[in-house]
């Protein structure tokens, strides 16, 4: 908003707070993605090391596939959390833009 325009007093929210929350949610989404990516990397490394050290040698194919499934399931949760946080972040900005456009159109 420019310095010349007086803020509309009927607004139920603070524009700067909405933008700040949008940025926080966007950053938090990337932090969550990094944590889940590190978790996947660490889990795969442990799985490979256990197989190389002979710990998992006695297991059958279905046991190995089940362990791999458990490893790949955790990042799926991270993808959902990342998408949700990004959608909330962008949704706040879209709602703010819609509100500003509605007020601008009402003034004409």
N, C-alpha and C. Protein backbone atom coordinates (compact mmCIF):
# COMPACT_ATOMS: atom_id res chain seq x y z
N UNK A 1 0.85 -1.16 0.00
CA UNK A 1 0.00 0.00 0.00
C UNK A 1 0.90 1.24 0.00
N UNK A 2 0.56 2.21 -0.80
CA UNK A 2 1.39 3.40 -0.89
C UNK A 2 1.12 4.33 0.29
N UNK A 3 1.99 5.31 0.44
CA UNK A 3 1.87 6.25 1.56
C UNK A 3 0.64 7.15 1.41
N UNK A 4 0.19 7.37 0.17
CA UNK A 4 -0.92 8.28 -0.07
C UNK A 4 -2.25 7.68 0.34
N UNK A 5 -2.39 6.37 0.21
CA UNK A 5 -3.65 5.72 0.53
C UNK A 5 -3.79 5.50 2.04
N UNK A 6 -4.94 5.87 2.55
CA UNK A 6 -5.21 5.59 3.96
C UNK A 6 -5.67 4.15 4.08
N UNK A 7 -5.23 3.42 5.09
CA UNK A 7 -5.67 2.03 5.21
C UNK A 7 -7.16 1.95 5.50
N UNK A 8 -7.78 0.95 4.95
CA UNK A 8 -9.21 0.76 5.17
C UNK A 8 -9.41 0.19 6.57
N UNK A 9 -10.19 0.85 7.39
CA UNK A 9 -10.32 0.48 8.79
C UNK A 9 -11.24 -0.71 9.00
N UNK A 10 -11.98 -1.14 7.98
CA UNK A 10 -12.88 -2.28 8.11
C UNK A 10 -12.19 -3.62 7.90
N UNK A 11 -10.88 -3.61 7.71
CA UNK A 11 -10.15 -4.85 7.49
C UNK A 11 -9.97 -5.59 8.82
N UNK A 12 -10.18 -6.89 8.77
CA UNK A 12 -10.11 -7.70 9.98
C UNK A 12 -8.74 -8.34 10.18
N UNK A 13 -7.78 -7.99 9.39
CA UNK A 13 -6.46 -8.60 9.49
C UNK A 13 -5.41 -7.56 9.19
N UNK A 14 -4.18 -7.87 9.55
CA UNK A 14 -3.04 -7.01 9.27
C UNK A 14 -2.33 -7.56 8.04
N UNK A 15 -2.23 -6.76 7.00
CA UNK A 15 -1.63 -7.20 5.74
C UNK A 15 -0.19 -7.67 5.94
N UNK A 16 0.58 -6.96 6.73
CA UNK A 16 1.97 -7.35 6.97
C UNK A 16 2.07 -8.67 7.73
N UNK A 17 1.13 -8.91 8.63
CA UNK A 17 1.13 -10.18 9.37
C UNK A 17 0.81 -11.35 8.44
N UNK A 18 -0.08 -11.15 7.50
CA UNK A 18 -0.42 -12.20 6.54
C UNK A 18 0.80 -12.53 5.68
N UNK A 19 1.49 -11.52 5.21
CA UNK A 19 2.69 -11.74 4.40
C UNK A 19 3.78 -12.42 5.23
N UNK A 20 3.93 -12.00 6.48
CA UNK A 20 4.93 -12.61 7.36
C UNK A 20 4.62 -14.09 7.60
N UNK A 21 3.35 -14.43 7.86
CA UNK A 21 2.97 -15.83 8.07
C UNK A 21 3.16 -16.65 6.80
N UNK A 22 2.90 -16.04 5.67
CA UNK A 22 3.11 -16.74 4.40
C UNK A 22 4.58 -17.09 4.22
N UNK A 23 5.45 -16.16 4.53
CA UNK A 23 6.89 -16.43 4.42
C UNK A 23 7.33 -17.48 5.43
N UNK A 24 6.83 -17.40 6.64
CA UNK A 24 7.19 -18.39 7.67
C UNK A 24 6.76 -19.79 7.24
N UNK A 25 5.54 -19.91 6.72
CA UNK A 25 5.06 -21.22 6.27
C UNK A 25 5.88 -21.74 5.09
N UNK A 26 6.28 -20.84 4.19
CA UNK A 26 7.12 -21.26 3.07
C UNK A 26 8.48 -21.77 3.52
N UNK A 27 9.08 -21.08 4.46
CA UNK A 27 10.38 -21.51 5.00
C UNK A 27 10.23 -22.81 5.77
N UNK A 28 9.18 -22.92 6.56
CA UNK A 28 8.93 -24.14 7.33
C UNK A 28 8.72 -25.34 6.40
N UNK A 29 8.08 -25.12 5.26
CA UNK A 29 7.89 -26.21 4.30
C UNK A 29 9.22 -26.74 3.81
N UNK A 30 10.16 -25.85 3.52
CA UNK A 30 11.48 -26.30 3.05
C UNK A 30 12.28 -26.95 4.16
N UNK A 31 12.11 -26.50 5.39
CA UNK A 31 12.78 -27.16 6.52
C UNK A 31 12.25 -28.58 6.68
N UNK A 32 10.94 -28.74 6.59
CA UNK A 32 10.34 -30.07 6.69
C UNK A 32 10.85 -30.96 5.56
N UNK A 33 10.94 -30.42 4.34
CA UNK A 33 11.45 -31.20 3.21
C UNK A 33 12.89 -31.63 3.44
N UNK A 34 13.70 -30.73 3.98
CA UNK A 34 15.11 -31.07 4.24
C UNK A 34 15.23 -32.14 5.32
N UNK A 35 14.42 -32.05 6.35
CA UNK A 35 14.47 -33.04 7.43
C UNK A 35 14.07 -34.42 6.91
N UNK A 36 13.02 -34.47 6.12
CA UNK A 36 12.57 -35.77 5.60
C UNK A 36 13.55 -36.31 4.55
N UNK A 37 14.20 -35.44 3.79
CA UNK A 37 15.21 -35.90 2.84
C UNK A 37 16.42 -36.46 3.59
N UNK A 38 16.83 -35.79 4.67
CA UNK A 38 17.93 -36.30 5.48
C UNK A 38 17.55 -37.63 6.13
N UNK A 39 16.31 -37.75 6.56
CA UNK A 39 15.83 -39.00 7.15
C UNK A 39 15.88 -40.13 6.13
N UNK A 40 15.47 -39.86 4.90
CA UNK A 40 15.53 -40.87 3.85
C UNK A 40 16.97 -41.27 3.56
N UNK A 41 17.85 -40.28 3.45
CA UNK A 41 19.26 -40.58 3.19
C UNK A 41 19.89 -41.40 4.29
N UNK A 42 19.62 -41.04 5.53
CA UNK A 42 20.15 -41.78 6.66
C UNK A 42 19.57 -43.19 6.72
N UNK A 43 18.28 -43.32 6.48
CA UNK A 43 17.65 -44.64 6.51
C UNK A 43 18.20 -45.56 5.44
N UNK A 44 18.38 -45.03 4.23
CA UNK A 44 18.95 -45.85 3.16
C UNK A 44 20.39 -46.24 3.45
N UNK A 45 21.15 -45.30 4.03
CA UNK A 45 22.54 -45.60 4.39
C UNK A 45 22.60 -46.70 5.43
N UNK A 46 21.77 -46.63 6.43
CA UNK A 46 21.74 -47.67 7.47
C UNK A 46 21.34 -49.00 6.87
N UNK A 47 20.36 -48.99 5.97
CA UNK A 47 19.91 -50.23 5.33
C UNK A 47 21.05 -50.87 4.53
N UNK A 48 21.76 -50.07 3.75
CA UNK A 48 22.87 -50.59 2.94
C UNK A 48 23.99 -51.09 3.84
N UNK A 49 24.31 -50.35 4.90
CA UNK A 49 25.38 -50.78 5.82
C UNK A 49 25.00 -52.06 6.55
N UNK A 50 23.75 -52.19 6.94
CA UNK A 50 23.34 -53.43 7.60
C UNK A 50 23.43 -54.62 6.66
N UNK A 51 23.10 -54.42 5.41
CA UNK A 51 23.21 -55.51 4.45
C UNK A 51 24.68 -55.83 4.19
N UNK A 52 25.52 -54.80 4.08
CA UNK A 52 26.94 -55.02 3.82
C UNK A 52 27.64 -55.69 5.00
N UNK A 53 27.19 -55.42 6.20
CA UNK A 53 27.81 -56.02 7.40
C UNK A 53 27.27 -57.41 7.71
N UNK A 54 26.29 -57.86 6.96
CA UNK A 54 25.76 -59.20 7.14
C UNK A 54 24.62 -59.31 8.12
N UNK A 55 24.09 -58.20 8.56
CA UNK A 55 23.00 -58.23 9.54
C UNK A 55 21.70 -58.67 8.87
N UNK A 56 21.48 -58.28 7.64
CA UNK A 56 20.23 -58.58 6.95
C UNK A 56 20.35 -59.75 5.98
N UNK A 57 21.44 -60.49 6.04
CA UNK A 57 21.66 -61.57 5.07
C UNK A 57 20.64 -62.69 5.23
N UNK A 58 20.24 -63.02 6.44
CA UNK A 58 19.33 -64.14 6.66
C UNK A 58 17.88 -63.84 6.33
N UNK A 59 17.57 -62.60 5.99
CA UNK A 59 16.18 -62.24 5.71
C UNK A 59 15.78 -62.64 4.30
N UNK A 60 14.51 -62.92 4.14
CA UNK A 60 13.99 -63.25 2.82
C UNK A 60 13.69 -62.00 2.02
N UNK A 61 13.24 -62.22 0.79
CA UNK A 61 12.95 -61.12 -0.12
C UNK A 61 11.82 -60.24 0.41
N UNK A 62 10.79 -60.87 0.95
CA UNK A 62 9.66 -60.08 1.45
C UNK A 62 10.05 -59.23 2.66
N UNK A 63 10.95 -59.73 3.50
CA UNK A 63 11.43 -58.93 4.64
C UNK A 63 12.21 -57.71 4.16
N UNK A 64 13.03 -57.90 3.16
CA UNK A 64 13.80 -56.77 2.62
C UNK A 64 12.88 -55.75 1.96
N UNK A 65 11.89 -56.26 1.21
CA UNK A 65 10.95 -55.34 0.57
C UNK A 65 10.11 -54.57 1.59
N UNK A 66 9.76 -55.24 2.68
CA UNK A 66 9.01 -54.57 3.73
C UNK A 66 9.85 -53.49 4.41
N UNK A 67 11.11 -53.77 4.65
CA UNK A 67 12.01 -52.75 5.21
C UNK A 67 12.15 -51.57 4.25
N UNK A 68 12.26 -51.85 2.96
CA UNK A 68 12.35 -50.78 1.98
C UNK A 68 11.05 -49.98 1.91
N UNK A 69 9.94 -50.67 2.03
CA UNK A 69 8.65 -49.98 2.04
C UNK A 69 8.54 -49.02 3.23
N UNK A 70 8.98 -49.48 4.40
CA UNK A 70 8.97 -48.60 5.57
C UNK A 70 9.87 -47.38 5.37
N UNK A 71 10.98 -47.58 4.69
CA UNK A 71 11.88 -46.45 4.43
C UNK A 71 11.25 -45.45 3.47
N UNK A 72 10.54 -45.94 2.48
CA UNK A 72 9.97 -45.05 1.47
C UNK A 72 8.65 -44.44 1.92
N UNK A 73 8.04 -44.99 2.94
CA UNK A 73 6.78 -44.46 3.44
C UNK A 73 6.98 -43.16 4.21
N UNK A 74 8.06 -43.05 4.96
CA UNK A 74 8.30 -41.84 5.75
C UNK A 74 8.45 -40.59 4.88
N UNK A 75 9.21 -40.62 3.79
CA UNK A 75 9.27 -39.42 2.95
C UNK A 75 7.94 -39.06 2.29
N UNK A 76 7.07 -40.05 2.12
CA UNK A 76 5.75 -39.75 1.58
C UNK A 76 4.98 -38.82 2.52
N UNK A 77 5.13 -39.03 3.80
CA UNK A 77 4.52 -38.12 4.78
C UNK A 77 5.14 -36.73 4.65
N UNK A 78 6.45 -36.69 4.46
CA UNK A 78 7.12 -35.40 4.29
C UNK A 78 6.64 -34.66 3.06
N UNK A 79 6.39 -35.39 1.98
CA UNK A 79 5.88 -34.76 0.75
C UNK A 79 4.50 -34.16 1.01
N UNK A 80 3.68 -34.87 1.77
CA UNK A 80 2.36 -34.34 2.10
C UNK A 80 2.45 -33.08 2.96
N UNK A 81 3.31 -33.12 3.97
CA UNK A 81 3.48 -31.95 4.83
C UNK A 81 4.02 -30.77 4.04
N UNK A 82 4.99 -31.04 3.16
CA UNK A 82 5.56 -29.98 2.33
C UNK A 82 4.48 -29.35 1.45
N UNK A 83 3.69 -30.20 0.80
CA UNK A 83 2.63 -29.68 -0.06
C UNK A 83 1.58 -28.89 0.70
N UNK A 84 1.23 -29.37 1.87
CA UNK A 84 0.24 -28.67 2.68
C UNK A 84 0.75 -27.30 3.12
N UNK A 85 1.99 -27.25 3.59
CA UNK A 85 2.55 -25.97 4.03
C UNK A 85 2.72 -24.99 2.86
N UNK A 86 3.13 -25.50 1.70
CA UNK A 86 3.24 -24.62 0.53
C UNK A 86 1.87 -24.11 0.09
N UNK A 87 0.86 -24.99 0.13
CA UNK A 87 -0.49 -24.58 -0.24
C UNK A 87 -1.02 -23.52 0.72
N UNK A 88 -0.77 -23.68 2.01
CA UNK A 88 -1.19 -22.67 2.98
C UNK A 88 -0.48 -21.35 2.74
N UNK A 89 0.82 -21.42 2.45
CA UNK A 89 1.60 -20.22 2.20
C UNK A 89 1.08 -19.46 0.99
N UNK A 90 0.88 -20.17 -0.10
CA UNK A 90 0.39 -19.52 -1.32
C UNK A 90 -1.08 -19.14 -1.18
N UNK A 91 -1.85 -19.93 -0.45
CA UNK A 91 -3.26 -19.63 -0.24
C UNK A 91 -3.47 -18.33 0.51
N UNK A 92 -2.61 -18.06 1.49
CA UNK A 92 -2.71 -16.79 2.20
C UNK A 92 -2.46 -15.61 1.27
N UNK A 93 -1.47 -15.75 0.40
CA UNK A 93 -1.18 -14.67 -0.55
C UNK A 93 -2.31 -14.50 -1.57
N UNK A 94 -2.88 -15.60 -2.00
CA UNK A 94 -3.99 -15.52 -2.96
C UNK A 94 -5.20 -14.85 -2.30
N UNK A 95 -5.51 -15.22 -1.07
CA UNK A 95 -6.64 -14.60 -0.37
C UNK A 95 -6.39 -13.11 -0.15
N UNK A 96 -5.16 -12.74 0.17
CA UNK A 96 -4.83 -11.33 0.36
C UNK A 96 -4.99 -10.57 -0.95
N UNK A 97 -4.53 -11.15 -2.04
CA UNK A 97 -4.67 -10.51 -3.35
C UNK A 97 -6.13 -10.38 -3.77
N UNK A 98 -6.92 -11.41 -3.50
CA UNK A 98 -8.35 -11.35 -3.83
C UNK A 98 -9.04 -10.24 -3.04
N UNK A 99 -8.68 -10.11 -1.77
CA UNK A 99 -9.30 -9.09 -0.94
C UNK A 99 -8.92 -7.70 -1.43
N UNK A 100 -7.65 -7.52 -1.79
CA UNK A 100 -7.21 -6.21 -2.29
C UNK A 100 -7.87 -5.88 -3.62
N UNK A 101 -8.00 -6.87 -4.50
CA UNK A 101 -8.65 -6.63 -5.80
C UNK A 101 -10.14 -6.33 -5.62
N UNK A 102 -10.78 -6.97 -4.67
CA UNK A 102 -12.20 -6.71 -4.40
C UNK A 102 -12.39 -5.28 -3.90
N UNK A 103 -11.52 -4.86 -3.02
CA UNK A 103 -11.63 -3.47 -2.52
C UNK A 103 -11.33 -2.47 -3.62
N UNK A 104 -10.36 -2.77 -4.45
CA UNK A 104 -10.02 -1.87 -5.55
C UNK A 104 -11.18 -1.76 -6.53
N UNK A 105 -11.84 -2.89 -6.81
CA UNK A 105 -12.97 -2.88 -7.74
C UNK A 105 -14.18 -2.17 -7.13
N UNK A 106 -14.34 -2.25 -5.82
CA UNK A 106 -15.48 -1.60 -5.14
C UNK A 106 -15.32 -0.08 -5.13
N UNK A 107 -14.10 0.41 -5.16
CA UNK A 107 -13.86 1.85 -5.14
C UNK A 107 -14.21 2.51 -6.46
N UNK A 108 -14.19 1.74 -7.54
CA UNK A 108 -14.45 2.32 -8.88
C UNK A 108 -15.88 2.60 -9.11
